[in-house]
Each structure stands twice: as C-alpha cells, then as structure tokens.
Amino acid sequence: MKRASFADMNCSVAQTLEVIGEWWTLLIVRDALFGVTRFDEFSSRLGIARNVLTRRLDTLVDHGVMTKVPYQDNPIRHDYRLTEKGRDLWTVLTALRQWGDKWAIDTEPPIVTSHRTCGHTMTVEPVCSECGEALTRGSIRIHRGPGADEQSPSPIGHSEDRATPTN
C-alpha cells in the first residue's frame, strides 16, 4: 500500500515526514548515529529486507541526510555517512527515545545517555534559545511564520495566544 504524499503541504512536519516518515527510516538514522555505516551492518542489525534498506538509504542520500562514500572498488561498495542535515536528527530521535522510555516500554530504558562533561546520566530538555528558560507546552505561543500561506496549518481557532505544540 502506497502512503499519501505530503509534498504539496506547506507544513514543516509534513515535509519532514516526506524525508524520514517511511517505516525503518528512523531506525536506519538511529544506527547511523550509533556509528553504523555499511549496508550489510544495517541489514543484519535491523533485520530489514535488502530491497527496503536500499530504497530507504537511496531516499536518505537523495534528500542529503546521508552521503555515499566508496570504500571498495571491485565490487563497488559504499559507506553511508550522515551529513550535517542527518546529524541534526539526533534531537528528533532523542525526543522519540525519551518518549518511548516513558510511555512505550514496560522495562527500564534500554539505552541511557550521559553527559561527557559531568558524567551524569541525563535527559534532553527543551529550553528557550534566547533566555535559557525551560520550555513547557503552556509557556509557548505558536505564530504563523514568514513562510506561511493560505494552506499552512495554524493554531486551533487561529489564536495567536493559544499554547499549542504544532507547527
């Protein structure tokens, strides 16, 4: 079954899903963030069909999330390395992992992160990029941005003062 395309939707979330919304894609990016670069290693770690892995890697390369770097000539083989665009997905995956730790698994977290500087186990918490204050759903307002058009989603009721965690 072919999924719907969001290509014509003027929404940052929809456009992101065009690139990373396919089944397996975020697990491929997760493993790449863990240091996996070779096709066979992705395949064996994930248990993903080779044709599906090929399509997902091609999409990530086509969208500049990963790059292919040859490491062998005969037969030609490539490393798949995250670009800056791909490495920026770290915060997305971290948010998903932390949500999953809290809501989706019945055990202790299978992976934890620690801060290299202080050594403590930590979580990533959103803060205001300007003042450093911790952010909550109620402490933000959503506004239409300079790229908005008539098709762009807006906060419910079009209220500029409604605290809503959407685009």
Protein backbone atom coordinates (compact mmCIF):
# COMPACT_ATOMS: atom_id res chain seq x y z
CA MET A 1 0.00 0.00 0.00
CA LYS A 2 1.47 3.35 -1.07
CA ARG A 3 1.37 6.06 1.55
CA ALA A 4 -0.03 9.51 0.96
CA SER A 5 2.38 12.20 -0.14
CA PHE A 6 2.68 15.42 1.81
CA ALA A 7 4.83 17.05 -0.89
CA ASP A 8 2.28 19.81 -1.60
CA MET A 9 1.57 20.61 2.05
CA ASN A 10 3.19 23.83 3.35
CA CYS A 11 3.99 22.39 6.77
CA SER A 12 7.44 21.69 8.22
CA VAL A 13 6.24 18.49 9.93
CA ALA A 14 4.68 17.19 6.70
CA GLN A 15 7.81 18.00 4.69
CA THR A 16 9.95 16.24 7.31
CA LEU A 17 7.75 13.16 7.04
CA GLU A 18 8.34 13.18 3.27
CA VAL A 19 12.02 12.52 4.05
CA ILE A 20 12.04 10.45 7.24
CA GLY A 21 8.46 9.22 7.65
CA GLU A 22 8.80 5.81 5.99
CA TRP A 23 8.91 2.65 8.12
CA TRP A 24 12.53 1.78 9.03
CA THR A 25 13.99 5.18 8.15
CA LEU A 26 14.44 6.50 11.68
CA LEU A 27 15.94 3.18 12.80
CA ILE A 28 18.48 3.48 9.98
CA VAL A 29 19.30 7.02 11.11
CA ARG A 30 19.48 5.81 14.73
CA ASP A 31 22.01 3.15 13.80
CA ALA A 32 23.97 5.66 11.72
CA LEU A 33 24.12 7.91 14.79
CA PHE A 34 25.47 4.87 16.67
CA GLY A 35 28.27 4.64 14.08
CA VAL A 36 26.93 2.10 11.57
CA THR A 37 27.99 2.95 8.01
CA ARG A 38 27.90 -0.29 5.99
CA PHE A 39 24.89 -1.70 4.15
CA ASP A 40 25.43 -5.24 5.47
CA GLU A 41 25.70 -3.99 9.04
CA PHE A 42 22.44 -2.01 8.75
CA SER A 43 20.83 -5.10 7.25
CA SER A 44 21.99 -7.51 9.94
CA ARG A 45 21.36 -5.16 12.90
CA LEU A 46 17.85 -4.26 11.76
CA GLY A 47 16.73 -7.49 10.10
CA ILE A 48 15.40 -5.36 7.25
CA ALA A 49 14.86 -6.71 3.73
CA ARG A 50 17.69 -5.67 1.43
CA ASN A 51 15.36 -4.09 -1.15
CA VAL A 52 13.65 -1.99 1.54
CA LEU A 53 17.01 -0.95 3.00
CA THR A 54 18.23 0.04 -0.47
CA ARG A 55 15.17 2.23 -1.04
CA ARG A 56 15.41 3.88 2.37
CA LEU A 57 19.14 4.58 2.01
CA ASP A 58 18.59 5.96 -1.52
CA THR A 59 15.90 8.30 -0.17
CA LEU A 60 18.17 9.49 2.63
CA VAL A 61 21.00 10.11 0.15
CA ASP A 62 18.66 11.83 -2.34
CA HIS A 63 17.50 14.22 0.39
CA GLY A 64 21.00 14.97 1.68
CA VAL A 65 20.53 13.22 5.04
CA MET A 66 23.29 10.72 4.22
CA THR A 67 26.08 10.58 1.71
CA LYS A 68 27.60 7.58 -0.04
CA VAL A 69 31.38 7.26 0.20
CA PRO A 70 33.08 4.43 -1.75
CA TYR A 71 35.33 2.20 0.34
CA GLN A 72 35.85 -0.65 -2.17
CA ASP A 73 36.19 -0.68 -5.97
CA ASN A 74 35.59 -4.24 -7.13
CA PRO A 75 32.75 -4.75 -6.47
CA ILE A 76 31.91 -1.16 -5.61
CA ARG A 77 30.77 -0.77 -2.01
CA HIS A 78 29.89 2.34 -0.07
CA ASP A 79 29.79 3.66 3.44
CA TYR A 80 26.62 5.58 4.26
CA ARG A 81 27.51 8.55 6.42
CA LEU A 82 25.25 11.12 7.99
CA THR A 83 25.59 14.66 6.73
CA GLU A 84 25.09 17.67 8.99
CA LYS A 85 21.42 17.50 8.00
CA GLY A 86 21.31 13.88 9.15
CA ARG A 87 23.20 14.51 12.37
CA ASP A 88 20.63 17.21 13.20
CA LEU A 89 18.07 14.40 13.53
CA TRP A 90 19.76 13.48 16.82
CA THR A 91 17.38 15.74 18.74
CA VAL A 92 14.35 14.21 16.99
CA LEU A 93 15.48 10.68 17.81
CA THR A 94 16.37 11.66 21.37
CA ALA A 95 12.88 13.08 21.90
CA LEU A 96 11.31 9.91 20.47
CA ARG A 97 13.54 7.69 22.61
CA GLN A 98 12.75 9.61 25.78
CA TRP A 99 9.01 9.46 25.00
CA GLY A 100 9.35 5.72 24.37
CA ASP A 101 11.24 5.25 27.65
CA LYS A 102 8.35 6.89 29.49
CA TRP A 103 5.33 5.60 27.57
CA ALA A 104 6.12 2.68 25.25
CA ILE A 105 8.21 0.15 27.16
CA ASP A 106 7.50 -1.76 30.34
CA THR A 107 11.11 -2.10 31.48
CA GLU A 108 13.91 0.20 32.43
CA PRO A 109 15.27 2.20 29.46
CA PRO A 110 17.36 0.00 27.16
CA ILE A 111 19.69 2.93 26.39
CA VAL A 112 20.68 5.86 28.58
CA THR A 113 22.72 8.93 27.79
CA SER A 114 25.34 10.56 29.93
CA HIS A 115 26.90 13.98 29.60
CA ARG A 116 30.60 13.71 28.74
CA THR A 117 31.45 16.85 30.70
CA CYS A 118 29.89 15.95 34.06
CA GLY A 119 29.40 12.20 33.62
CA HIS A 120 25.80 12.18 34.87
CA THR A 121 23.01 10.22 33.23
CA MET A 122 20.79 12.86 31.67
CA THR A 123 17.79 13.63 29.53
CA VAL A 124 17.48 16.33 26.94
CA GLU A 125 15.06 19.05 27.97
CA PRO A 126 13.86 21.87 25.71
CA VAL A 127 14.93 25.37 26.69
CA CYS A 128 14.42 28.77 25.09
CA SER A 129 17.28 29.51 22.70
CA GLU A 130 17.21 33.17 23.80
CA CYS A 131 16.86 33.16 27.60
CA GLY A 132 17.60 29.55 28.56
CA GLU A 133 14.31 29.08 30.46
CA ALA A 134 12.87 25.56 30.45
CA LEU A 135 10.01 25.21 27.98
CA THR A 136 6.64 23.60 28.59
CA ARG A 137 3.58 23.38 26.38
CA GLY A 138 1.97 26.21 28.28
CA SER A 139 4.96 28.53 28.06
CA ILE A 140 4.99 28.88 24.27
CA ARG A 141 2.81 30.57 21.67
CA ILE A 142 2.52 29.45 18.08
CA HIS A 143 2.55 32.12 15.39
CA ARG A 144 2.25 31.98 11.64
CA GLY A 145 5.75 32.35 10.22
CA PRO A 146 7.09 34.29 7.26
CA GLY A 147 6.72 31.24 5.02
CA ALA A 148 3.03 30.69 5.84
CA ASP A 149 0.43 30.74 3.10
CA GLU A 150 -3.31 30.06 2.97
CA GLN A 151 -2.68 26.29 3.02
CA SER A 152 -0.37 26.40 6.05
CA PRO A 153 -1.72 24.90 9.26
CA SER A 154 -2.31 27.36 12.05
CA PRO A 155 -3.13 27.04 15.73
CA ILE A 156 -6.70 25.98 16.52
CA GLY A 157 -9.10 28.87 16.23
CA HIS A 158 -6.31 30.89 14.59
CA SER A 159 -5.50 32.29 18.01
CA GLU A 160 -2.01 33.72 18.27
CA ASP A 161 -2.15 33.27 22.06
CA ARG A 162 -3.10 29.59 22.21
CA ALA A 163 -0.37 27.34 23.59
CA THR A 164 -0.29 24.55 21.02
CA PRO A 165 2.62 22.22 20.25
CA THR A 166 2.09 22.12 16.46
CA ASN A 167 3.98 23.68 13.60
